[in-house]
Amino acid sequence: MLTIKKGDMVKVIAGRDQGKTGRVMSVDRANQRVLVEHVQMVKRHMRANPAKNVKGGILERESAIHHSNVMLLCPTCGPMRPRVQPLPDGRKVRACRKCGNTLD
Protein backbone atom coordinates (compact mmCIF):
# COMPACT_ATOMS: atom_id res chain seq x y z
CA MET A 1 0.00 0.00 0.00
CA LEU A 2 1.39 3.39 -1.00
CA THR A 3 1.11 6.00 1.72
CA ILE A 4 2.52 8.77 -0.50
CA LYS A 5 0.12 11.18 -2.21
CA LYS A 6 0.44 14.03 -4.68
CA GLY A 7 1.57 17.22 -2.95
CA ASP A 8 3.41 15.51 -0.06
CA MET A 9 6.90 16.60 0.93
CA VAL A 10 9.37 13.70 0.76
CA LYS A 11 13.08 13.09 1.30
CA VAL A 12 15.11 10.83 -0.98
CA ILE A 13 16.85 8.14 1.11
CA ALA A 14 18.55 6.13 -1.67
CA GLY A 15 20.00 6.67 -5.12
CA ARG A 16 22.08 9.37 -6.75
CA ASP A 17 19.89 12.17 -5.31
CA GLN A 18 20.09 10.89 -1.73
CA GLY A 19 19.37 13.62 0.82
CA LYS A 20 17.32 15.89 -1.47
CA THR A 21 13.81 16.93 -0.51
CA GLY A 22 10.95 17.88 -2.78
CA ARG A 23 7.23 17.87 -3.42
CA VAL A 24 5.55 14.88 -5.07
CA MET A 25 4.17 15.91 -8.48
CA SER A 26 2.48 12.61 -9.41
CA VAL A 27 2.08 9.03 -8.16
CA ASP A 28 1.96 5.95 -10.41
CA ARG A 29 0.32 3.29 -8.23
CA ALA A 30 0.50 0.54 -10.89
CA ASN A 31 4.30 0.76 -11.16
CA GLN A 32 4.86 2.00 -7.56
CA ARG A 33 6.75 5.10 -8.72
CA VAL A 34 6.60 8.74 -7.70
CA LEU A 35 7.67 11.89 -9.53
CA VAL A 36 9.43 14.35 -7.20
CA GLU A 37 10.31 17.87 -8.32
CA HIS A 38 14.04 18.56 -8.88
CA VAL A 39 14.94 14.89 -8.22
CA GLN A 40 16.26 12.34 -10.76
CA MET A 41 16.80 14.95 -13.47
CA VAL A 42 17.34 13.47 -16.95
CA LYS A 43 18.02 15.05 -20.34
CA ARG A 44 15.48 14.59 -23.15
CA HIS A 45 16.13 15.46 -26.78
CA MET A 46 13.10 17.23 -28.26
CA ARG A 47 12.47 17.74 -31.96
CA ALA A 48 11.13 21.14 -32.93
CA ASN A 49 7.46 21.26 -33.91
CA PRO A 50 6.53 24.61 -35.48
CA ALA A 51 2.85 23.62 -35.76
CA LYS A 52 2.57 23.38 -31.97
CA ASN A 53 5.04 26.23 -31.39
CA VAL A 54 7.52 23.91 -29.62
CA LYS A 55 11.22 24.73 -29.75
CA GLY A 56 13.64 21.85 -30.10
CA GLY A 57 16.76 21.14 -28.10
CA ILE A 58 17.91 19.28 -25.04
CA LEU A 59 15.44 19.62 -22.15
CA GLU A 60 16.03 18.63 -18.56
CA ARG A 61 13.11 17.20 -16.62
CA GLU A 62 12.30 14.89 -13.72
CA SER A 63 12.08 11.12 -13.99
CA ALA A 64 10.08 8.82 -11.70
CA ILE A 65 11.73 6.96 -8.83
CA HIS A 66 10.52 3.97 -6.83
CA HIS A 67 8.44 4.79 -3.77
CA SER A 68 10.75 2.76 -1.50
CA ASN A 69 13.53 5.30 -2.14
CA VAL A 70 11.62 8.18 -0.53
CA MET A 71 10.31 8.89 2.98
CA LEU A 72 7.50 11.22 3.97
CA LEU A 73 8.49 14.36 5.85
CA CYS A 74 6.68 15.35 9.02
CA PRO A 75 6.64 19.16 9.43
CA THR A 76 7.98 18.84 13.00
CA CYS A 77 9.97 15.58 13.15
CA GLY A 78 11.49 15.20 9.70
CA PRO A 79 11.60 11.89 7.76
CA MET A 80 9.18 9.33 9.20
CA ARG A 81 7.07 6.28 8.49
CA PRO A 82 3.36 7.10 8.71
CA ARG A 83 0.69 5.06 10.42
CA VAL A 84 -2.97 4.94 9.47
CA GLN A 85 -5.04 6.30 12.33
CA PRO A 86 -8.84 6.02 12.46
CA LEU A 87 -10.80 9.09 13.49
CA PRO A 88 -14.00 9.04 15.59
CA ASP A 89 -16.11 9.85 12.51
CA GLY A 90 -14.84 6.73 10.70
CA ARG A 91 -12.29 8.34 8.37
CA LYS A 92 -8.71 7.10 8.26
CA VAL A 93 -5.83 9.58 8.13
CA ARG A 94 -2.05 9.30 7.95
CA ALA A 95 -0.27 10.27 11.15
CA CYS A 96 3.34 10.59 12.28
CA ARG A 97 4.54 7.72 14.44
CA LYS A 98 6.82 10.01 16.50
CA CYS A 99 4.70 13.07 17.32
CA GLY A 100 1.19 11.99 16.26
CA ASN A 101 0.55 14.93 13.87
CA THR A 102 -1.87 14.10 11.08
CA LEU A 103 -0.70 14.62 7.49
CA ASP A 104 -4.12 14.79 5.78
PDB file of N, CA and C in Angstrom:
ATOM      1  N   MET A   1       0.836  -1.181   0.000  1.00  0.00           N
ATOM      2  CA  MET A   1       0.000   0.000   0.000  1.00  0.00           C
ATOM      3  C   MET A   1       0.881   1.244   0.000  1.00  0.00           C
ATOM      4  N   LEU A   2       0.637   2.146  -0.926  1.00  0.00           N
ATOM      5  CA  LEU A   2       1.394   3.391  -0.997  1.00  0.00           C
ATOM      6  C   LEU A   2       0.774   4.412  -0.055  1.00  0.00           C
ATOM      7  N   THR A   3       1.597   4.982   0.802  1.00  0.00           N
ATOM      8  CA  THR A   3       1.111   6.005   1.720  1.00  0.00           C
ATOM      9  C   THR A   3       1.511   7.394   1.253  1.00  0.00           C
ATOM     10  N   ILE A   4       2.078   7.486   0.048  1.00  0.00           N
ATOM     11  CA  ILE A   4       2.515   8.769  -0.498  1.00  0.00           C
ATOM     12  C   ILE A   4       1.452   9.282  -1.461  1.00  0.00           C
ATOM     13  N   LYS A   5       1.119  10.565  -1.340  1.00  0.00           N
ATOM     14  CA  LYS A   5       0.121  11.181  -2.206  1.00  0.00           C
ATOM     15  C   LYS A   5       0.708  12.395  -2.910  1.00  0.00           C
ATOM     16  N   LYS A   6       0.024  12.843  -3.943  1.00  0.00           N
ATOM     17  CA  LYS A   6       0.441  14.028  -4.675  1.00  0.00           C
ATOM     18  C   LYS A   6       0.424  15.236  -3.737  1.00  0.00           C
ATOM     19  N   GLY A   7       1.484  16.035  -3.790  1.00  0.00           N
ATOM     20  CA  GLY A   7       1.573  17.218  -2.952  1.00  0.00           C
ATOM     21  C   GLY A   7       2.330  17.012  -1.654  1.00  0.00           C
ATOM     22  N   ASP A   8       2.668  15.774  -1.286  1.00  0.00           N
ATOM     23  CA  ASP A   8       3.415  15.510  -0.061  1.00  0.00           C
ATOM     24  C   ASP A   8       4.869  15.957  -0.207  1.00  0.00           C
ATOM     25  N   MET A   9       5.461  16.322   0.897  1.00  0.00           N
ATOM     26  CA  MET A   9       6.901  16.595   0.929  1.00  0.00           C
ATOM     27  C   MET A   9       7.605  15.300   1.303  1.00  0.00           C
ATOM     28  N   VAL A  10       8.636  14.942   0.515  1.00  0.00           N
ATOM     29  CA  VAL A  10       9.366  13.701   0.757  1.00  0.00           C
ATOM     30  C   VAL A  10      10.864  13.974   0.740  1.00  0.00           C
ATOM     31  N   LYS A  11      11.619  13.046   1.321  1.00  0.00           N
ATOM     32  CA  LYS A  11      13.084  13.092   1.303  1.00  0.00           C
ATOM     33  C   LYS A  11      13.577  11.828   0.634  1.00  0.00           C
ATOM     34  N   VAL A  12      14.543  11.973  -0.278  1.00  0.00           N
ATOM     35  CA  VAL A  12      15.108  10.828  -0.979  1.00  0.00           C
ATOM     36  C   VAL A  12      16.127  10.174  -0.056  1.00  0.00           C
ATOM     37  N   ILE A  13      15.968   8.846   0.172  1.00  0.00           N
ATOM     38  CA  ILE A  13      16.848   8.142   1.106  1.00  0.00           C
ATOM     39  C   ILE A  13      17.804   7.197   0.387  1.00  0.00           C
ATOM     40  N   ALA A  14      17.666   7.025  -0.930  1.00  0.00           N
ATOM     41  CA  ALA A  14      18.553   6.131  -1.674  1.00  0.00           C
ATOM     42  C   ALA A  14      18.677   6.622  -3.104  1.00  0.00           C
ATOM     43  N   GLY A  15      19.801   6.303  -3.728  1.00  0.00           N
ATOM     44  CA  GLY A  15      20.004   6.672  -5.120  1.00  0.00           C
ATOM     45  C   GLY A  15      20.953   7.843  -5.259  1.00  0.00           C
ATOM     46  N   ARG A  16      21.092   8.320  -6.492  1.00  0.00           N
ATOM     47  CA  ARG A  16      22.082   9.373  -6.749  1.00  0.00           C
ATOM     48  C   ARG A  16      21.666  10.721  -6.179  1.00  0.00           C
ATOM     49  N   ASP A  17      20.381  10.913  -5.885  1.00  0.00           N
ATOM     50  CA  ASP A  17      19.893  12.172  -5.312  1.00  0.00           C
ATOM     51  C   ASP A  17      19.610  12.035  -3.824  1.00  0.00           C
ATOM     52  N   GLN A  18      20.313  11.141  -3.144  1.00  0.00           N
ATOM     53  CA  GLN A  18      20.088  10.892  -1.728  1.00  0.00           C
ATOM     54  C   GLN A  18      20.269  12.167  -0.917  1.00  0.00           C
ATOM     55  N   GLY A  19      19.307  12.451  -0.030  1.00  0.00           N
ATOM     56  CA  GLY A  19      19.368  13.625   0.821  1.00  0.00           C
ATOM     57  C   GLY A  19      18.542  14.791   0.329  1.00  0.00           C
ATOM     58  N   LYS A  20      18.130  14.786  -0.938  1.00  0.00           N
ATOM     59  CA  LYS A  20      17.325  15.888  -1.470  1.00  0.00           C
ATOM     60  C   LYS A  20      15.892  15.770  -0.977  1.00  0.00           C
ATOM     61  N   THR A  21      15.227  16.909  -0.868  1.00  0.00           N
ATOM     62  CA  THR A  21      13.809  16.928  -0.511  1.00  0.00           C
ATOM     63  C   THR A  21      13.047  17.620  -1.622  1.00  0.00           C
ATOM     64  N   GLY A  22      11.777  17.263  -1.762  1.00  0.00           N
ATOM     65  CA  GLY A  22      10.950  17.885  -2.784  1.00  0.00           C
ATOM     66  C   GLY A  22       9.502  17.490  -2.636  1.00  0.00           C
ATOM     67  N   ARG A  23       8.663  18.122  -3.439  1.00  0.00           N
ATOM     68  CA  ARG A  23       7.232  17.871  -3.418  1.00  0.00           C
ATOM     69  C   ARG A  23       6.883  16.827  -4.474  1.00  0.00           C
ATOM     70  N   VAL A  24       5.975  15.918  -4.142  1.00  0.00           N
ATOM     71  CA  VAL A  24       5.547  14.878  -5.070  1.00  0.00           C
ATOM     72  C   VAL A  24       4.619  15.504  -6.107  1.00  0.00           C
ATOM     73  N   MET A  25       4.970  15.341  -7.390  1.00  0.00           N
ATOM     74  CA  MET A  25       4.173  15.907  -8.475  1.00  0.00           C
ATOM     75  C   MET A  25       3.132  14.921  -8.978  1.00  0.00           C
ATOM     76  N   SER A  26       3.452  13.619  -8.996  1.00  0.00           N
ATOM     77  CA  SER A  26       2.476  12.610  -9.407  1.00  0.00           C
ATOM     78  C   SER A  26       2.867  11.267  -8.813  1.00  0.00           C
ATOM     79  N   VAL A  27       1.882  10.363  -8.712  1.00  0.00           N
ATOM     80  CA  VAL A  27       2.081   9.030  -8.163  1.00  0.00           C
ATOM     81  C   VAL A  27       1.538   8.018  -9.162  1.00  0.00           C
ATOM     82  N   ASP A  28       2.368   7.033  -9.528  1.00  0.00           N
ATOM     83  CA  ASP A  28       1.957   5.945 -10.414  1.00  0.00           C
ATOM     84  C   ASP A  28       1.801   4.697  -9.557  1.00  0.00           C
ATOM     85  N   ARG A  29       0.571   4.406  -9.139  1.00  0.00           N
ATOM     86  CA  ARG A  29       0.325   3.293  -8.231  1.00  0.00           C
ATOM     87  C   ARG A  29       0.548   1.935  -8.888  1.00  0.00           C
ATOM     88  N   ALA A  30       0.323   1.820 -10.190  1.00  0.00           N
ATOM     89  CA  ALA A  30       0.500   0.544 -10.888  1.00  0.00           C
ATOM     90  C   ALA A  30       1.964   0.118 -10.887  1.00  0.00           C
ATOM     91  N   ASN A  31       2.876   1.066 -11.109  1.00  0.00           N
ATOM     92  CA  ASN A  31       4.305   0.756 -11.155  1.00  0.00           C
ATOM     93  C   ASN A  31       5.040   1.125  -9.867  1.00  0.00           C
ATOM     94  N   GLN A  32       4.319   1.623  -8.870  1.00  0.00           N
ATOM     95  CA  GLN A  32       4.860   2.001  -7.563  1.00  0.00           C
ATOM     96  C   GLN A  32       5.975   3.027  -7.689  1.00  0.00           C
ATOM     97  N   ARG A  33       5.743   4.059  -8.504  1.00  0.00           N
ATOM     98  CA  ARG A  33       6.749   5.098  -8.720  1.00  0.00           C
ATOM     99  C   ARG A  33       6.159   6.461  -8.415  1.00  0.00           C
ATOM    100  N   VAL A  34       7.017   7.372  -7.991  1.00  0.00           N
ATOM    101  CA  VAL A  34       6.605   8.742  -7.699  1.00  0.00           C
ATOM    102  C   VAL A  34       7.493   9.702  -8.468  1.00  0.00           C
ATOM    103  N   LEU A  35       6.937  10.848  -8.831  1.00  0.00           N
ATOM    104  CA  LEU A  35       7.668  11.895  -9.529  1.00  0.00           C
ATOM    105  C   LEU A  35       7.855  13.046  -8.548  1.00  0.00           C
ATOM    106  N   VAL A  36       9.111  13.319  -8.190  1.00  0.00           N
ATOM    107  CA  VAL A  36       9.430  14.349  -7.200  1.00  0.00           C
ATOM    108  C   VAL A  36      10.138  15.490  -7.915  1.00  0.00           C
ATOM    109  N   GLU A  37       9.724  16.733  -7.611  1.00  0.00           N
ATOM    110  CA  GLU A  37      10.313  17.869  -8.318  1.00  0.00           C
ATOM    111  C   GLU A  37      11.784  18.048  -7.951  1.00  0.00           C
ATOM    112  N   HIS A  38      12.599  18.325  -8.986  1.00  0.00           N
ATOM    113  CA  HIS A  38      14.041  18.557  -8.881  1.00  0.00           C
ATOM    114  C   HIS A  38      14.810  17.341  -8.384  1.00  0.00           C
ATOM    115  N   VAL A  39      14.269  16.127  -8.594  1.00  0.00           N
ATOM    116  CA  VAL A  39      14.945  14.887  -8.219  1.00  0.00           C
ATOM    117  C   VAL A  39      14.973  13.978  -9.435  1.00  0.00           C
ATOM    118  N   GLN A  40      16.086  13.273  -9.642  1.00  0.00           N
ATOM    119  CA  GLN A  40      16.262  12.338 -10.764  1.00  0.00           C
ATOM    120  C   GLN A  40      16.110  13.067 -12.097  1.00  0.00           C
ATOM    121  N   MET A  41      16.864  14.149 -12.238  1.00  0.00           N
ATOM    122  CA  MET A  41      16.803  14.947 -13.465  1.00  0.00           C
ATOM    123  C   MET A  41      17.487  14.198 -14.605  1.00  0.00           C
ATOM    124  N   VAL A  42      16.807  14.133 -15.763  1.00  0.00           N
ATOM    125  CA  VAL A  42      17.342  13.473 -16.954  1.00  0.00           C
ATOM    126  C   VAL A  42      17.229  14.442 -18.125  1.00  0.00           C
ATOM    127  N   LYS A  43      18.046  14.209 -19.143  1.00  0.00           N
ATOM    128  CA  LYS A  43      18.021  15.055 -20.338  1.00  0.00           C
ATOM    129  C   LYS A  43      17.205  14.354 -21.419  1.00  0.00           C
ATOM    130  N   ARG A  44      16.320  15.102 -22.061  1.00  0.00           N
ATOM    131  CA  ARG A  44      15.482  14.587 -23.149  1.00  0.00           C
ATOM    132  C   ARG A  44      15.739  15.434 -24.385  1.00  0.00           C
ATOM    133  N   HIS A  45      15.933  14.766 -25.517  1.00  0.00           N
ATOM    134  CA  HIS A  45      16.133  15.463 -26.785  1.00  0.00           C
ATOM    135  C   HIS A  45      14.766  15.663 -27.435  1.00  0.00           C
ATOM    136  N   MET A  46      14.404  16.909 -27.678  1.00  0.00           N
ATOM    137  CA  MET A  46      13.101  17.232 -28.262  1.00  0.00           C
ATOM    138  C   MET A  46      13.289  17.757 -29.676  1.00  0.00           C
ATOM    139  N   ARG A  47      12.481  17.242 -30.585  1.00  0.00           N
ATOM    140  CA  ARG A  47      12.475  17.739 -31.956  1.00  0.00           C
ATOM    141  C   ARG A  47      11.559  18.959 -32.017  1.00  0.00           C
ATOM    142  N   ALA A  48      11.948  19.939 -32.789  1.00  0.00           N
ATOM    143  CA  ALA A  48      11.129  21.142 -32.934  1.00  0.00           C
ATOM    144  C   ALA A  48       9.849  20.817 -33.678  1.00  0.00           C
ATOM    145  N   ASN A  49       8.753  21.443 -33.271  1.00  0.00           N
ATOM    146  CA  ASN A  49       7.459  21.258 -33.915  1.00  0.00           C
ATOM    147  C   ASN A  49       6.839  22.645 -34.100  1.00  0.00           C
ATOM    148  N   PRO A  50       7.051  23.251 -35.272  1.00  0.00           N
ATOM    149  CA  PRO A  50       6.528  24.612 -35.478  1.00  0.00           C
ATOM    150  C   PRO A  50       5.002  24.694 -35.430  1.00  0.00           C
ATOM    151  N   ALA A  51       4.320  23.606 -35.771  1.00  0.00           N
ATOM    152  CA  ALA A  51       2.854  23.621 -35.757  1.00  0.00           C
ATOM    153  C   ALA A  51       2.315  23.822 -34.339  1.00  0.00           C
ATOM    154  N   LYS A  52       3.000  23.240 -33.361  1.00  0.00           N
ATOM    155  CA  LYS A  52       2.571  23.377 -31.968  1.00  0.00           C
ATOM    156  C   LYS A  52       3.380  24.433 -31.226  1.00  0.00           C
ATOM    157  N   ASN A  53       4.230  25.163 -31.966  1.00  0.00           N
ATOM    158  CA  ASN A  53       5.042  26.228 -31.395  1.00  0.00           C
ATOM    159  C   ASN A  53       5.967  25.697 -30.294  1.00  0.00           C
ATOM    160  N   VAL A  54       6.606  24.525 -30.564  1.00  0.00           N
ATOM    161  CA  VAL A  54       7.520  23.907 -29.615  1.00  0.00           C
ATOM    162  C   VAL A  54       8.940  24.045 -30.149  1.00  0.00           C
ATOM    163  N   LYS A  55       9.822  24.612 -29.341  1.00  0.00           N
ATOM    164  CA  LYS A  55      11.218  24.732 -29.747  1.00  0.00           C
ATOM    165  C   LYS A  55      11.932  23.418 -29.445  1.00  0.00           C
ATOM    166  N   GLY A  56      12.868  23.068 -30.299  1.00  0.00           N
ATOM    167  CA  GLY A  56      13.636  21.849 -30.103  1.00  0.00           C
ATOM    168  C   GLY A  56      14.843  22.092 -29.223  1.00  0.00           C
ATOM    169  N   GLY A  57      15.544  21.026 -28.896  1.00  0.00           N
ATOM    170  CA  GLY A  57      16.756  21.140 -28.103  1.00  0.00           C
ATOM    171  C   GLY A  57      16.808  20.073 -27.036  1.00  0.00           C
ATOM    172  N   ILE A  58      17.737  20.232 -26.132  1.00  0.00           N
ATOM    173  CA  ILE A  58      17.911  19.280 -25.038  1.00  0.00           C
ATOM    174  C   ILE A  58      17.230  19.858 -23.810  1.00  0.00           C
ATOM    175  N   LEU A  59      16.195  19.179 -23.323  1.00  0.00           N
ATOM    176  CA  LEU A  59      15.438  19.622 -22.153  1.00  0.00           C
ATOM    177  C   LEU A  59      15.826  18.777 -20.951  1.00  0.00           C
ATOM    178  N   GLU A  60      15.766  19.365 -19.785  1.00  0.00           N
ATOM    179  CA  GLU A  60      16.030  18.634 -18.557  1.00  0.00           C
ATOM    180  C   GLU A  60      14.739  18.573 -17.756  1.00  0.00           C
ATOM    181  N   ARG A  61      14.345  17.363 -17.371  1.00  0.00           N
ATOM    182  CA  ARG A  61      13.107  17.197 -16.617  1.00  0.00           C
ATOM    183  C   ARG A  61      13.252  16.054 -15.624  1.00  0.00           C
ATOM    184  N   GLU A  62      12.254  15.918 -14.753  1.00  0.00           N
ATOM    185  CA  GLU A  62      12.296  14.888 -13.716  1.00  0.00           C
ATOM    186  C   GLU A  62      11.913  13.531 -14.277  1.00  0.00           C
ATOM    187  N   SER A  63      12.452  12.482 -13.661  1.00  0.00           N
ATOM    188  CA  SER A  63      12.083  11.115 -13.993  1.00  0.00           C
ATOM    189  C   SER A  63      11.544  10.473 -12.715  1.00  0.00           C
ATOM    190  N   ALA A  64      10.711   9.459 -12.860  1.00  0.00           N
ATOM    191  CA  ALA A  64      10.081   8.822 -11.702  1.00  0.00           C
ATOM    192  C   ALA A  64      11.080   7.936 -10.963  1.00  0.00           C
ATOM    193  N   ILE A  65      10.915   7.855  -9.641  1.00  0.00           N
ATOM    194  CA  ILE A  65      11.732   6.962  -8.829  1.00  0.00           C
ATOM    195  C   ILE A  65      10.806   6.060  -8.024  1.00  0.00           C
ATOM    196  N   HIS A  66      11.328   4.938  -7.568  1.00  0.00           N
ATOM    197  CA  HIS A  66      10.524   3.974  -6.826  1.00  0.00           C
ATOM    198  C   HIS A  66      10.140   4.541  -5.461  1.00  0.00           C
ATOM    199  N   HIS A  67       8.943   4.206  -5.014  1.00  0.00           N
ATOM    200  CA  HIS A  67       8.438   4.789  -3.766  1.00  0.00           C
ATOM    201  C   HIS A  67       9.245   4.348  -2.550  1.00  0.00           C
ATOM    202  N   SER A  68       9.964   3.228  -2.642  1.00  0.00           N
ATOM    203  CA  SER A  68      10.754   2.763  -1.498  1.00  0.00           C
ATOM    204  C   SER A  68      12.000   3.608  -1.293  1.00  0.00           C
ATOM    205  N   ASN A  69      12.347   4.451  -2.261  1.00  0.00           N
ATOM    206  CA  ASN A  69      13.529   5.302  -2.142  1.00  0.00           C
ATOM    207  C   ASN A  69      13.220   6.674  -1.560  1.00  0.00           C
ATOM    208  N   VAL A  70      11.985   6.907  -1.139  1.00  0.00           N
ATOM    209  CA  VAL A  70      11.619   8.184  -0.529  1.00  0.00           C
ATOM    210  C   VAL A  70      10.909   7.946   0.799  1.00  0.00           C
ATOM    211  N   MET A  71      11.024   8.925   1.703  1.00  0.00           N
ATOM    212  CA  MET A  71      10.309   8.893   2.981  1.00  0.00           C
ATOM    213  C   MET A  71       9.507  10.172   3.121  1.00  0.00           C
ATOM    214  N   LEU A  72       8.327  10.049   3.694  1.00  0.00           N
ATOM    215  CA  LEU A  72       7.501  11.224   3.971  1.00  0.00           C
ATOM    216  C   LEU A  72       8.178  12.104   5.001  1.00  0.00           C
ATOM    217  N   LEU A  73       7.946  13.407   4.893  1.00  0.00           N
ATOM    218  CA  LEU A  73       8.494  14.359   5.852  1.00  0.00           C
ATOM    219  C   LEU A  73       7.377  14.875   6.752  1.00  0.00           C
ATOM    220  N   CYS A  74       7.583  14.741   8.045  1.00  0.00           N
ATOM    221  CA  CYS A  74       6.683  15.347   9.025  1.00  0.00           C
ATOM    222  C   CYS A  74       7.143  16.791   9.204  1.00  0.00           C
ATOM    223  N   PRO A  75       6.234  17.760   9.267  1.00  0.00           N
ATOM    224  CA  PRO A  75       6.643  19.158   9.427  1.00  0.00           C
ATOM    225  C   PRO A  75       7.451  19.417  10.701  1.00  0.00           C
ATOM    226  N   THR A  76       7.259  18.611  11.750  1.00  0.00           N
ATOM    227  CA  THR A  76       7.976  18.842  13.004  1.00  0.00           C
ATOM    228  C   THR A  76       9.131  17.871  13.227  1.00  0.00           C
ATOM    229  N   CYS A  77       8.972  16.605  12.837  1.00  0.00           N
ATOM    230  CA  CYS A  77       9.974  15.577  13.149  1.00  0.00           C
ATOM    231  C   CYS A  77      11.001  15.360  12.054  1.00  0.00           C
ATOM    232  N   GLY A  78      10.605  15.522  10.813  1.00  0.00           N
ATOM    233  CA  GLY A  78      11.487  15.199   9.699  1.00  0.00           C
ATOM    234  C   GLY A  78      11.046  13.899   9.030  1.00  0.00           C
ATOM    235  N   PRO A  79      11.974  13.133   8.451  1.00  0.00           N
ATOM    236  CA  PRO A  79      11.597  11.893   7.765  1.00  0.00           C
ATOM    237  C   PRO A  79      10.968  10.903   8.737  1.00  0.00           C
ATOM    238  N   MET A  80       9.888  10.258   8.307  1.00  0.00           N
ATOM    239  CA  MET A  80       9.182   9.335   9.202  1.00  0.00           C
ATOM    240  C   MET A  80       8.366   8.348   8.400  1.00  0.00           C
ATOM    241  N   ARG A  81       7.982   7.264   9.058  1.00  0.00           N
ATOM    242  CA  ARG A  81       7.065   6.283   8.487  1.00  0.00           C
ATOM    243  C   ARG A  81       5.676   6.559   9.044  1.00  0.00           C
ATOM    244  N   PRO A  82       4.687   6.764   8.184  1.00  0.00           N
ATOM    245  CA  PRO A  82       3.356   7.099   8.708  1.00  0.00           C
ATOM    246  C   PRO A  82       2.599   5.870   9.187  1.00  0.00           C
ATOM    247  N   ARG A  83       1.626   6.109  10.029  1.00  0.00           N
ATOM    248  CA  ARG A  83       0.685   5.056  10.415  1.00  0.00           C
ATOM    249  C   ARG A  83      -0.703   5.532  10.033  1.00  0.00           C
ATOM    250  N   VAL A  84      -1.595   4.596   9.815  1.00  0.00           N
ATOM    251  CA  VAL A  84      -2.970   4.936   9.466  1.00  0.00           C
ATOM    252  C   VAL A  84      -3.767   4.946  10.762  1.00  0.00           C
ATOM    253  N   GLN A  85      -4.354   6.094  11.062  1.00  0.00           N
ATOM    254  CA  GLN A  85      -5.040   6.295  12.334  1.00  0.00           C
ATOM    255  C   GLN A  85      -6.516   6.556  12.082  1.00  0.00           C
ATOM    256  N   PRO A  86      -7.411   5.758  12.646  1.00  0.00           N
ATOM    257  CA  PRO A  86      -8.844   6.025  12.456  1.00  0.00           C
ATOM    258  C   PRO A  86      -9.305   7.191  13.323  1.00  0.00           C
ATOM    259  N   LEU A  87     -10.209   7.981  12.759  1.00  0.00           N
ATOM    260  CA  LEU A  87     -10.795   9.094  13.494  1.00  0.00           C
ATOM    261  C   LEU A  87     -12.157   8.668  14.045  1.00  0.00           C
ATOM    262  N   PRO A  88     -12.692   9.410  15.022  1.00  0.00           N
ATOM    263  CA  PRO A  88     -13.997   9.040  15.595  1.00  0.00           C
ATOM    264  C   PRO A  88     -15.134   9.015  14.568  1.00  0.00           C
ATOM    265  N   ASP A  89     -15.029   9.832  13.499  1.00  0.00           N
ATOM    266  CA  ASP A  89     -16.111   9.853  12.508  1.00  0.00           C
ATOM    267  C   ASP A  89     -15.976   8.742  11.463  1.00  0.00           C
ATOM    268  N   GLY A  90     -14.981   7.870  11.605  1.00  0.00           N
ATOM    269  CA  GLY A  90     -14.845   6.730  10.704  1.00  0.00           C
ATOM    270  C   GLY A  90     -13.796   6.896   9.609  1.00  0.00           C
ATOM    271  N   ARG A  91     -13.319   8.131   9.387  1.00  0.00           N
ATOM    272  CA  ARG A  91     -12.291   8.343   8.365  1.00  0.00           C
ATOM    273  C   ARG A  91     -10.947   7.830   8.865  1.00  0.00           C
ATOM    274  N   LYS A  92     -10.066   7.508   7.915  1.00  0.00           N
ATOM    275  CA  LYS A  92      -8.710   7.100   8.257  1.00  0.00           C
ATOM    276  C   LYS A  92      -7.750   8.148   7.722  1.00  0.00           C
ATOM    277  N   VAL A  93      -6.800   8.580   8.539  1.00  0.00           N
ATOM    278  CA  VAL A  93      -5.830   9.582   8.134  1.00  0.00           C
ATOM    279  C   VAL A  93      -4.427   9.062   8.411  1.00  0.00           C
ATOM    280  N   ARG A  94      -3.448   9.640   7.710  1.00  0.00           N
ATOM    281  CA  ARG A  94      -2.053   9.301   7.947  1.00  0.00           C
ATOM    282  C   ARG A  94      -1.534  10.162   9.085  1.00  0.00           C
ATOM    283  N   ALA A  95      -0.795   9.543  10.000  1.00  0.00           N
ATOM    284  CA  ALA A  95      -0.265  10.270  11.150  1.00  0.00           C
ATOM    285  C   ALA A  95       1.195   9.900  11.362  1.00  0.00           C
ATOM    286  N   CYS A  96       1.929  10.812  11.970  1.00  0.00           N
ATOM    287  CA  CYS A  96       3.339  10.591  12.280  1.00  0.00           C
ATOM    288  C   CYS A  96       3.440   9.619  13.462  1.00  0.00           C
ATOM    289  N   ARG A  97       4.361   8.678  13.359  1.00  0.00           N
ATOM    290  CA  ARG A  97       4.544   7.724  14.439  1.00  0.00           C
ATOM    291  C   ARG A  97       5.233   8.360  15.649  1.00  0.00           C
ATOM    292  N   LYS A  98       6.054   9.392  15.418  1.00  0.00           N
ATOM    293  CA  LYS A  98       6.815  10.008  16.497  1.00  0.00           C
ATOM    294  C   LYS A  98       5.987  11.001  17.304  1.00  0.00           C
ATOM    295  N   CYS A  99       5.382  11.980  16.606  1.00  0.00           N
ATOM    296  CA  CYS A  99       4.701  13.066  17.319  1.00  0.00           C
ATOM    297  C   CYS A  99       3.175  12.955  17.266  1.00  0.00           C
ATOM    298  N   GLY A 100       2.628  12.169  16.339  1.00  0.00           N
ATOM    299  CA  GLY A 100       1.194  11.993  16.262  1.00  0.00           C
ATOM    300  C   GLY A 100       0.466  13.012  15.397  1.00  0.00           C
ATOM    301  N   ASN A 101       1.187  13.951  14.756  1.00  0.00           N
ATOM    302  CA  ASN A 101       0.545  14.930  13.870  1.00  0.00           C
ATOM    303  C   ASN A 101      -0.070  14.217  12.680  1.00  0.00           C
ATOM    304  N   THR A 102      -1.244  14.680  12.248  1.00  0.00           N
ATOM    305  CA  THR A 102      -1.869  14.096  11.076  1.00  0.00           C
ATOM    306  C   THR A 102      -1.355  14.812   9.823  1.00  0.00           C
ATOM    307  N   LEU A 103      -1.220  14.072   8.739  1.00  0.00           N
ATOM    308  CA  LEU A 103      -0.702  14.617   7.491  1.00  0.00           C
ATOM    309  C   LEU A 103      -1.818  15.023   6.534  1.00  0.00           C
ATOM    310  N   ASP A 104      -3.014  14.514   6.722  1.00  0.00           N
ATOM    311  CA  ASP A 104      -4.119  14.794   5.784  1.00  0.00           C
ATOM    312  C   ASP A 104      -4.985  15.952   6.259  1.00  0.00           C
TER     313      ASP A 104
END
